[in-house]
Amino acid sequence: MEWSFSCTMVRFLTGKGFKVAALIFIMQAILVPFAGASEVAAAAIDKADTAWVMISTAMVMFMIPGLAIFYAGMTRKKNVLSTMMQSFFLLCLISIQWVLWGYTLSFGPDINGLIGGLDFLGLENVGVEAKGTIPHLVFMMFQGMFAAITVALITGAFAERIKFSAVIIFSLLWATLIYDPLCHWVWGGGWLQKLGVLDFAGGIVVHISCGLSALVAAIYVGKRRGFPRELMPPHNLTLTVIGMGILWFGWFGFNAGSALASDGVAAMAFVTTNTAAAAGTITWAFIEWGHRGKPTMLGAMSGAVAGLGSITPAAGFVTPGAAILIGIAGGLLCYVAVTIIKPKLSYDDTLDVFGIHGIAGTWGTIATGIFASIGAKGLLQGNPAQLKSQVIGALVTVALSVVGTYILLKIVDLVIGIRVSPEEEMEGLDISQHEESGYTL
């Protein structure tokens, strides 16, 4: 019997049985540690946070076709499709730019506080591993939608008079050389973030940058033919109202989603967003009523965007009461910028990107330094240093946006030209740039 057992063991050690057992042992030695690491990564990812940020990402993406509708309704009917095309195409263009190099420049490992390294080039090293409590890929997508809508917002300043090819090249350069570095400075571990500058959801990164760049673009490209002698009223405010509804809806994802978690901070940002938008709307409507005799739908929508833009940098840092004050001041300041300052300076910012987004973003950034009381303390909480940091952040963004945008516009103009011909402008950009029309009659 002992001989039989010994023979069996010899056959096992020299046969397939041993090879199988050894293979199993080796696989366990290699795979078990990795399985453990996977379990740890999975444990770090919160399903509720992931679901909320994915929904928020889709909401911010939905804002871009909403912006297309919002903008298109305010143009003349011969330019409705070209205006929509700019926003829609830029959603696609910046989505690709973000995946290939935009994300790594913005959120790659910090290089001297100025730019992100190339570790995430082409989404290398970006997968389903945890980034906070959500998968890294989800964080990447959420931030990518911010980049896309920021670039699309600028197009409202030069609507109805710019070549589509110029829009593409300028936007690609602007996203790479202005948005990405600024995003890194504020959100990606750059020098403004280290300085303590607060920007909850994009007052600096989105609204000041696009607003000041829009002002430079409007002045550089020049006025529309006939402006301001000819009346150029919105051709379809019904479209604009629909677009405004989409924007307001998407702004909940824009602001509350920036908490990057389904938590109390997101809830506070959700409430302050709606509160400031309502305050801005009411403020603009009543001021217009007293100033011009009647409140208008266009004015009410402008006030809503003013309130939304103003609360964006402060959304998760302030209380609903502060949001009311921020929204009221935002509505007032933007009304003055659009109805008083713009006519006096006589620049043609077609859809008031600077007068609303630029002014609201600047005010909101400063207001954050005044009213912050949740997760950070502002001036009213005994911390004047925060207000100083906010002013520095705003001024730096203004400088980068103004100088950088002018240089990029000059380069594009020298290479391919920016403005359409007088004949193409008279015909309308729908036909001259795309050979189609938004209306058959």
Protein backbone atom coordinates (compact mmCIF):
# COMPACT_ATOMS: atom_id res chain seq x y z
CA MET A 1 0.00 0.00 0.00
CA GLU A 2 2.89 2.32 0.81
CA TRP A 3 4.45 1.36 -2.53
CA SER A 4 1.18 2.19 -4.33
CA PHE A 5 0.95 5.61 -2.63
CA SER A 6 4.57 6.38 -3.50
CA CYS A 7 4.02 5.45 -7.13
CA THR A 8 0.94 7.67 -7.26
CA MET A 9 2.93 10.63 -5.87
CA VAL A 10 5.72 10.10 -8.38
CA ARG A 11 3.26 10.03 -11.26
CA PHE A 12 1.62 13.21 -9.94
CA LEU A 13 4.91 15.11 -9.54
CA THR A 14 6.14 14.11 -12.99
CA GLY A 15 2.84 14.32 -14.84
CA LYS A 16 0.14 16.75 -15.79
CA GLY A 17 -1.26 16.90 -12.26
CA PHE A 18 1.82 18.65 -10.95
CA LYS A 19 1.88 21.07 -13.85
CA VAL A 20 -1.76 22.00 -13.25
CA ALA A 21 -1.22 22.44 -9.52
CA ALA A 22 1.88 24.58 -10.11
CA LEU A 23 -0.02 26.72 -12.62
CA ILE A 24 -2.84 27.26 -10.14
CA PHE A 25 -0.34 28.22 -7.43
CA ILE A 26 1.42 30.72 -9.71
CA MET A 27 -1.87 32.26 -10.87
CA GLN A 28 -2.99 32.67 -7.28
CA ALA A 29 0.31 34.30 -6.36
CA ILE A 30 0.01 36.76 -9.25
CA LEU A 31 -3.71 37.48 -9.39
CA VAL A 32 -4.75 37.54 -5.76
CA PRO A 33 -2.83 40.76 -4.96
CA PHE A 34 -4.34 42.41 -8.03
CA ALA A 35 -7.79 41.23 -7.06
CA GLY A 36 -7.25 42.79 -3.67
CA ALA A 37 -6.19 46.09 -5.25
CA SER A 38 -9.26 45.99 -7.48
CA GLU A 39 -11.47 45.48 -4.47
CA VAL A 40 -9.83 48.47 -2.74
CA ALA A 41 -10.37 50.67 -5.83
CA ALA A 42 -13.96 49.53 -6.09
CA ALA A 43 -14.48 50.31 -2.42
CA ALA A 44 -13.20 53.87 -3.00
CA ILE A 45 -15.79 54.47 -5.72
CA ASP A 46 -19.19 55.52 -4.42
CA LYS A 47 -22.07 54.45 -6.66
CA ALA A 48 -24.31 57.37 -5.70
CA ASP A 49 -21.54 59.90 -6.35
CA THR A 50 -20.74 58.25 -9.66
CA ALA A 51 -24.37 58.24 -10.77
CA TRP A 52 -24.82 61.91 -9.84
CA VAL A 53 -21.70 63.09 -11.65
CA MET A 54 -22.57 61.05 -14.75
CA ILE A 55 -26.04 62.62 -14.78
CA SER A 56 -24.48 66.05 -14.23
CA THR A 57 -22.12 65.43 -17.13
CA ALA A 58 -25.06 64.70 -19.41
CA MET A 59 -26.84 67.82 -18.12
CA VAL A 60 -23.85 70.04 -18.92
CA MET A 61 -23.58 68.44 -22.35
CA PHE A 62 -27.30 69.19 -22.90
CA MET A 63 -26.57 72.84 -22.14
CA ILE A 64 -24.60 73.14 -25.38
CA PRO A 65 -27.49 72.37 -27.78
CA GLY A 66 -29.55 74.50 -25.37
CA LEU A 67 -27.06 77.31 -25.90
CA ALA A 68 -27.35 76.79 -29.66
CA ILE A 69 -31.12 77.28 -29.47
CA PHE A 70 -30.79 80.19 -27.03
CA TYR A 71 -28.31 82.00 -29.28
CA ALA A 72 -30.06 81.18 -32.56
CA GLY A 73 -33.35 82.72 -31.48
CA MET A 74 -31.61 86.05 -30.85
CA THR A 75 -29.99 86.27 -34.29
CA ARG A 76 -31.62 87.20 -37.60
CA LYS A 77 -33.29 84.32 -39.41
CA LYS A 78 -30.67 84.24 -42.16
CA ASN A 79 -28.08 83.22 -39.56
CA VAL A 80 -30.03 80.80 -37.37
CA LEU A 81 -28.41 77.56 -38.57
CA SER A 82 -24.88 78.95 -38.71
CA THR A 83 -25.24 80.07 -35.09
CA MET A 84 -26.47 76.63 -34.07
CA MET A 85 -23.75 74.93 -36.09
CA GLN A 86 -21.02 76.76 -34.22
CA SER A 87 -22.15 75.50 -30.81
CA PHE A 88 -22.95 71.98 -32.01
CA PHE A 89 -19.71 71.54 -33.92
CA LEU A 90 -17.61 72.87 -31.05
CA LEU A 91 -19.14 70.30 -28.72
CA CYS A 92 -17.64 67.64 -30.98
CA LEU A 93 -14.35 69.42 -31.69
CA ILE A 94 -13.50 70.15 -28.06
CA SER A 95 -14.60 66.66 -26.99
CA ILE A 96 -11.86 65.24 -29.22
CA GLN A 97 -9.31 67.89 -28.22
CA TRP A 98 -10.02 67.15 -24.55
CA VAL A 99 -9.43 63.42 -24.96
CA LEU A 100 -6.25 63.82 -26.98
CA TRP A 101 -4.44 66.59 -25.10
CA GLY A 102 -6.77 69.04 -23.36
CA TYR A 103 -7.37 66.92 -20.28
CA THR A 104 -3.72 66.22 -19.61
CA LEU A 105 -2.77 69.90 -19.99
CA SER A 106 -5.52 70.79 -17.52
CA PHE A 107 -5.33 67.97 -14.97
CA GLY A 108 -2.04 66.21 -15.60
CA PRO A 109 0.64 66.26 -12.86
CA ASP A 110 1.51 69.85 -12.06
CA ILE A 111 4.57 71.40 -13.70
CA ASN A 112 5.71 74.47 -11.75
CA GLY A 113 2.14 75.54 -11.14
CA LEU A 114 1.71 76.47 -14.80
CA ILE A 115 0.51 73.47 -16.79
CA GLY A 116 -0.33 69.80 -16.48
CA GLY A 117 2.16 67.17 -17.57
CA LEU A 118 1.59 64.73 -20.43
CA ASP A 119 0.91 61.66 -18.28
CA PHE A 120 -2.72 61.59 -19.48
CA LEU A 121 -2.02 62.28 -23.16
CA GLY A 122 -4.66 60.49 -25.21
CA LEU A 123 -6.16 59.35 -21.88
CA GLU A 124 -3.12 57.26 -21.08
CA ASN A 125 -3.35 56.22 -17.41
CA VAL A 126 -6.97 57.36 -17.26
CA GLY A 127 -9.37 54.52 -16.57
CA VAL A 128 -11.97 53.31 -14.10
CA GLU A 129 -9.68 53.78 -11.10
CA ALA A 130 -10.97 56.06 -8.39
CA LYS A 131 -10.58 59.81 -8.69
CA GLY A 132 -11.93 60.82 -5.32
CA THR A 133 -15.10 58.75 -5.07
CA ILE A 134 -15.86 58.49 -8.79
CA PRO A 135 -14.10 56.73 -11.70
CA HIS A 136 -11.35 58.80 -13.27
CA LEU A 137 -13.04 58.57 -16.68
CA VAL A 138 -16.22 60.12 -15.28
CA PHE A 139 -14.27 63.04 -13.81
CA MET A 140 -12.54 63.51 -17.16
CA MET A 141 -15.85 63.60 -19.06
CA PHE A 142 -17.47 66.01 -16.62
CA GLN A 143 -14.61 68.47 -16.96
CA GLY A 144 -14.59 68.02 -20.73
CA MET A 145 -18.14 69.32 -21.01
CA PHE A 146 -17.06 72.47 -19.16
CA ALA A 147 -14.33 73.03 -21.72
CA ALA A 148 -16.75 72.57 -24.60
CA ILE A 149 -19.43 74.98 -23.38
CA THR A 150 -16.87 77.65 -22.46
CA VAL A 151 -15.56 77.75 -26.01
CA ALA A 152 -19.09 77.69 -27.44
CA LEU A 153 -20.15 80.67 -25.30
CA ILE A 154 -17.60 82.94 -27.01
CA THR A 155 -19.26 82.51 -30.41
CA GLY A 156 -22.16 84.71 -29.33
CA ALA A 157 -19.90 87.76 -29.46
CA PHE A 158 -19.12 87.55 -33.18
CA ALA A 159 -22.30 85.85 -34.41
CA GLU A 160 -23.52 86.71 -37.93
CA ARG A 161 -20.18 87.83 -39.39
CA ILE A 162 -17.37 85.27 -38.95
CA LYS A 163 -16.09 82.50 -41.20
CA PHE A 164 -16.87 79.00 -39.97
CA SER A 165 -13.30 77.91 -40.71
CA ALA A 166 -12.02 80.74 -38.51
CA VAL A 167 -14.32 79.63 -35.69
CA ILE A 168 -12.82 76.13 -35.83
CA ILE A 169 -9.16 77.18 -35.80
CA PHE A 170 -9.59 79.95 -33.24
CA SER A 171 -11.58 77.71 -30.90
CA LEU A 172 -9.03 74.91 -31.05
CA LEU A 173 -6.19 77.33 -30.28
CA TRP A 174 -8.16 79.11 -27.55
CA ALA A 175 -9.07 75.87 -25.80
CA THR A 176 -5.45 74.69 -25.86
CA LEU A 177 -3.60 77.90 -25.03
CA ILE A 178 -6.03 79.77 -22.80
CA TYR A 179 -8.67 77.47 -21.33
CA ASP A 180 -6.42 74.50 -20.51
CA PRO A 181 -3.70 76.47 -18.70
CA LEU A 182 -6.29 78.54 -16.80
CA CYS A 183 -8.18 75.39 -15.83
CA HIS A 184 -4.94 73.93 -14.48
CA TRP A 185 -4.15 77.10 -12.54
CA VAL A 186 -7.51 77.08 -10.77
CA TRP A 187 -8.63 73.43 -10.60
CA GLY A 188 -5.69 71.24 -11.61
CA GLY A 189 -3.21 72.04 -8.84
CA GLY A 190 -1.77 75.17 -10.43
CA TRP A 191 -0.56 78.38 -8.83
CA LEU A 192 -3.94 80.08 -8.38
CA GLN A 193 -5.30 77.03 -6.59
CA LYS A 194 -2.25 77.02 -4.35
CA LEU A 195 -2.85 80.73 -3.70
CA GLY A 196 -6.24 79.78 -2.32
CA VAL A 197 -8.46 81.13 -5.11
CA LEU A 198 -11.98 79.67 -4.91
CA ASP A 199 -14.01 78.84 -8.00
CA PHE A 200 -16.68 76.29 -7.23
CA ALA A 201 -18.02 75.73 -10.74
CA GLY A 202 -16.39 78.11 -13.22
CA GLY A 203 -16.78 81.81 -12.47
CA ILE A 204 -13.12 82.28 -13.36
CA VAL A 205 -12.45 79.30 -15.59
CA VAL A 206 -15.65 79.63 -17.62
CA HIS A 207 -17.40 82.99 -17.32
CA ILE A 208 -14.59 85.55 -16.92
CA SER A 209 -12.44 83.81 -19.51
CA CYS A 210 -15.15 83.52 -22.15
CA GLY A 211 -16.64 86.94 -21.36
CA LEU A 212 -13.41 88.91 -21.70
CA SER A 213 -12.35 86.89 -24.73
CA ALA A 214 -15.74 87.63 -26.27
CA LEU A 215 -15.26 91.37 -25.77
CA VAL A 216 -11.87 91.27 -27.49
CA ALA A 217 -13.29 89.17 -30.33
CA ALA A 218 -16.28 91.48 -30.84
CA ILE A 219 -14.01 94.51 -31.09
CA TYR A 220 -11.41 92.77 -33.28
CA VAL A 221 -13.90 91.30 -35.76
CA GLY A 222 -15.80 94.57 -35.94
CA LYS A 223 -19.46 95.55 -36.01
CA ARG A 224 -22.09 93.89 -38.11
CA ARG A 225 -22.90 95.81 -41.29
CA GLY A 226 -25.47 98.45 -40.40
CA PHE A 227 -24.92 98.26 -36.64
CA PRO A 228 -26.12 100.28 -34.75
CA ARG A 229 -28.08 102.26 -37.38
CA GLU A 230 -30.26 99.35 -38.44
CA LEU A 231 -32.56 97.52 -36.08
CA MET A 232 -31.48 93.90 -35.69
CA PRO A 233 -34.09 92.39 -33.34
CA PRO A 234 -34.16 88.70 -32.39
CA HIS A 235 -35.98 86.76 -35.06
CA ASN A 236 -37.56 84.14 -32.76
CA LEU A 237 -37.61 84.70 -29.01
CA THR A 238 -39.68 81.54 -28.60
CA LEU A 239 -36.57 79.57 -29.52
CA THR A 240 -34.57 81.59 -27.02
CA VAL A 241 -37.04 80.81 -24.23
CA ILE A 242 -36.73 77.08 -24.96
CA GLY A 243 -32.95 77.38 -24.94
CA MET A 244 -33.07 79.29 -21.65
CA GLY A 245 -35.11 76.52 -20.07
CA ILE A 246 -32.52 73.97 -21.13
CA LEU A 247 -29.67 76.14 -19.84
CA TRP A 248 -31.31 76.65 -16.44
CA PHE A 249 -31.96 72.92 -16.16
CA GLY A 250 -28.41 72.06 -17.16
CA TRP A 251 -26.98 74.60 -14.73
CA PHE A 252 -28.01 72.35 -11.83
CA GLY A 253 -25.57 69.77 -13.19
CA PHE A 254 -23.03 72.49 -13.92
CA ASN A 255 -23.01 73.83 -10.35
CA ALA A 256 -24.28 71.06 -8.08
CA GLY A 257 -22.35 68.49 -10.11
CA SER A 258 -19.15 70.37 -9.30
CA ALA A 259 -19.38 69.02 -5.76
CA LEU A 260 -18.29 65.75 -7.44
CA ALA A 261 -20.42 63.91 -4.90
CA SER A 262 -24.05 63.32 -4.02
CA ASP A 263 -23.82 65.10 -0.70
CA GLY A 264 -24.78 68.17 1.31
CA VAL A 265 -22.49 70.47 -0.64
CA ALA A 266 -24.21 69.44 -3.88
CA ALA A 267 -27.58 70.05 -2.24
CA MET A 268 -26.54 73.55 -1.16
CA ALA A 269 -25.20 74.34 -4.64
CA PHE A 270 -28.47 73.06 -6.10
CA VAL A 271 -30.49 75.47 -3.99
CA THR A 272 -28.22 78.50 -4.36
CA THR A 273 -28.18 78.04 -8.14
CA ASN A 274 -31.95 78.27 -8.46
CA THR A 275 -32.20 81.06 -5.88
CA ALA A 276 -29.66 83.34 -7.56
CA ALA A 277 -31.19 82.73 -11.00
CA ALA A 278 -34.62 83.72 -9.70
CA ALA A 279 -33.20 86.82 -7.98
CA GLY A 280 -31.38 87.90 -11.13
CA THR A 281 -34.51 87.45 -13.25
CA ILE A 282 -36.72 89.49 -10.95
CA THR A 283 -34.11 92.22 -10.56
CA TRP A 284 -33.58 92.69 -14.31
CA ALA A 285 -37.32 92.68 -15.00
CA PHE A 286 -38.12 95.31 -12.39
CA ILE A 287 -35.20 97.56 -13.36
CA GLU A 288 -36.21 97.34 -17.02
CA TRP A 289 -39.82 98.01 -16.09
CA GLY A 290 -38.84 101.19 -14.31
CA HIS A 291 -36.17 102.24 -16.82
CA ARG A 292 -37.95 101.49 -20.11
CA GLY A 293 -41.59 101.27 -19.11
CA LYS A 294 -42.16 97.55 -19.69
CA PRO A 295 -40.49 94.29 -18.64
CA THR A 296 -39.49 92.07 -21.56
CA MET A 297 -39.05 88.33 -21.93
CA LEU A 298 -35.56 88.89 -23.36
CA GLY A 299 -34.71 90.97 -20.31
CA ALA A 300 -36.02 88.35 -17.91
CA MET A 301 -33.91 85.67 -19.58
CA SER A 302 -30.87 87.94 -19.51
CA GLY A 303 -31.42 88.42 -15.78
CA ALA A 304 -31.62 84.67 -15.27
CA VAL A 305 -28.27 84.13 -16.99
CA ALA A 306 -26.82 87.02 -14.96
CA GLY A 307 -27.93 85.37 -11.74
CA LEU A 308 -26.69 81.96 -12.82
CA GLY A 309 -23.31 83.28 -13.93
CA SER A 310 -22.92 85.24 -10.70
CA ILE A 311 -23.59 82.29 -8.40
CA THR A 312 -21.44 79.82 -10.34
CA PRO A 313 -18.12 80.49 -8.55
CA ALA A 314 -19.83 80.70 -5.15
CA ALA A 315 -22.51 78.01 -5.42
CA GLY A 316 -21.14 75.56 -2.86
CA PHE A 317 -19.56 78.14 -0.59
CA VAL A 318 -22.54 80.38 0.30
CA THR A 319 -26.00 80.17 1.86
CA PRO A 320 -29.31 80.73 0.02
CA GLY A 321 -29.59 84.13 1.68
CA ALA A 322 -26.25 85.18 0.24
CA ALA A 323 -27.32 83.74 -3.12
CA ILE A 324 -30.24 86.18 -3.21
CA LEU A 325 -27.89 89.12 -2.69
CA ILE A 326 -25.45 87.79 -5.27
CA GLY A 327 -28.25 87.30 -7.81
CA ILE A 328 -29.71 90.76 -7.23
CA ALA A 329 -26.35 92.47 -7.64
CA GLY A 330 -25.58 90.31 -10.69
CA GLY A 331 -28.83 91.31 -12.36
CA LEU A 332 -28.20 95.00 -11.66
CA LEU A 333 -24.57 95.02 -12.81
CA CYS A 334 -25.28 93.10 -16.01
CA TYR A 335 -28.26 95.33 -16.83
CA VAL A 336 -26.03 98.40 -16.57
CA ALA A 337 -23.32 96.75 -18.68
CA VAL A 338 -25.71 95.73 -21.47
CA THR A 339 -28.11 98.68 -21.64
CA ILE A 340 -25.92 101.63 -20.63
CA ILE A 341 -22.21 100.89 -21.00
CA LYS A 342 -22.41 98.90 -24.25
CA PRO A 343 -24.26 101.63 -26.21
CA LYS A 344 -21.91 104.32 -24.90
CA LEU A 345 -18.80 102.38 -25.91
CA SER A 346 -20.50 101.25 -29.15
CA TYR A 347 -18.97 97.79 -29.46
CA ASP A 348 -20.99 95.03 -31.13
CA ASP A 349 -21.04 92.05 -28.78
CA THR A 350 -23.92 90.45 -30.69
CA LEU A 351 -25.41 88.33 -27.91
CA ASP A 352 -23.91 90.14 -24.89
CA VAL A 353 -21.44 87.49 -23.84
CA PHE A 354 -19.23 90.05 -22.11
CA GLY A 355 -22.05 92.13 -20.66
CA ILE A 356 -23.61 89.10 -18.99
CA HIS A 357 -21.07 86.26 -18.61
CA GLY A 358 -18.00 88.44 -18.20
CA ILE A 359 -19.57 90.84 -15.73
CA ALA A 360 -21.46 88.13 -13.82
CA GLY A 361 -18.41 85.90 -13.56
CA THR A 362 -16.27 88.77 -12.28
CA TRP A 363 -18.85 89.85 -9.72
CA GLY A 364 -19.46 86.27 -8.60
CA THR A 365 -15.75 85.63 -8.14
CA ILE A 366 -15.40 88.72 -5.95
CA ALA A 367 -18.66 87.92 -4.13
CA THR A 368 -17.24 84.51 -3.20
CA GLY A 369 -14.48 86.32 -1.33
CA ILE A 370 -17.12 88.35 0.50
CA PHE A 371 -19.89 85.86 1.32
CA ALA A 372 -18.13 82.46 1.54
CA SER A 373 -19.17 80.70 4.75
CA ILE A 374 -19.37 76.99 3.85
CA GLY A 375 -16.09 75.11 3.55
CA ALA A 376 -14.26 78.44 3.31
CA LYS A 377 -14.49 81.84 4.95
CA GLY A 378 -14.80 85.17 3.18
CA LEU A 379 -14.64 88.77 4.25
CA LEU A 380 -17.88 88.70 6.25
CA GLN A 381 -16.54 85.71 8.17
CA GLY A 382 -13.43 87.63 9.18
CA ASN A 383 -11.12 86.51 6.37
CA PRO A 384 -10.23 89.49 4.11
CA ALA A 385 -7.35 87.46 2.63
CA GLN A 386 -9.89 85.41 0.69
CA LEU A 387 -11.25 88.51 -1.01
CA LYS A 388 -7.71 89.49 -1.97
CA SER A 389 -7.13 86.05 -3.52
CA GLN A 390 -10.38 86.31 -5.48
CA VAL A 391 -9.46 89.72 -6.89
CA ILE A 392 -6.04 88.42 -7.94
CA GLY A 393 -7.69 85.42 -9.64
CA ALA A 394 -10.09 87.67 -11.53
CA LEU A 395 -7.40 90.12 -12.66
CA VAL A 396 -5.08 87.35 -13.83
CA THR A 397 -7.90 85.80 -15.85
CA VAL A 398 -8.77 89.13 -17.44
CA ALA A 399 -5.14 89.67 -18.47
CA LEU A 400 -4.70 86.16 -19.89
CA SER A 401 -8.02 86.28 -21.77
CA VAL A 402 -7.54 89.75 -23.27
CA VAL A 403 -3.92 89.39 -24.36
CA GLY A 404 -4.15 85.74 -25.37
CA THR A 405 -7.35 86.15 -27.36
CA TYR A 406 -6.02 89.14 -29.28
CA ILE A 407 -2.87 87.25 -30.27
CA LEU A 408 -4.84 84.19 -31.39
CA LEU A 409 -7.30 86.26 -33.41
CA LYS A 410 -4.41 88.04 -35.12
CA ILE A 411 -2.77 84.75 -36.03
CA VAL A 412 -5.99 83.28 -37.46
CA ASP A 413 -6.72 86.49 -39.35
CA LEU A 414 -3.27 86.52 -40.94
CA VAL A 415 -3.45 82.86 -41.93
CA ILE A 416 -7.01 82.43 -43.28
CA GLY A 417 -8.90 85.62 -42.51
CA ILE A 418 -11.67 85.91 -39.95
CA ARG A 419 -14.55 87.89 -41.34
CA VAL A 420 -16.86 86.92 -44.19
CA SER A 421 -17.12 89.23 -47.19
CA PRO A 422 -19.77 92.00 -47.22
CA GLU A 423 -21.72 90.05 -49.82
CA GLU A 424 -21.68 86.87 -47.71
CA GLU A 425 -22.77 88.80 -44.64
CA MET A 426 -25.66 90.37 -46.52
CA GLU A 427 -26.71 86.98 -47.88
CA GLY A 428 -26.53 85.42 -44.44
CA LEU A 429 -24.15 82.86 -43.01
CA ASP A 430 -26.62 79.98 -43.35
CA ILE A 431 -26.29 80.14 -47.13
CA SER A 432 -22.78 81.54 -47.51
CA GLN A 433 -21.11 79.18 -45.01
CA HIS A 434 -23.30 76.08 -45.10
CA GLU A 435 -25.54 76.25 -48.19
CA GLU A 436 -28.71 75.65 -46.25
CA SER A 437 -31.49 77.65 -44.63
CA GLY A 438 -33.29 77.39 -41.34
CA TYR A 439 -36.59 78.38 -42.94
CA THR A 440 -38.14 77.57 -46.30
CA LEU A 441 -40.20 80.77 -46.50
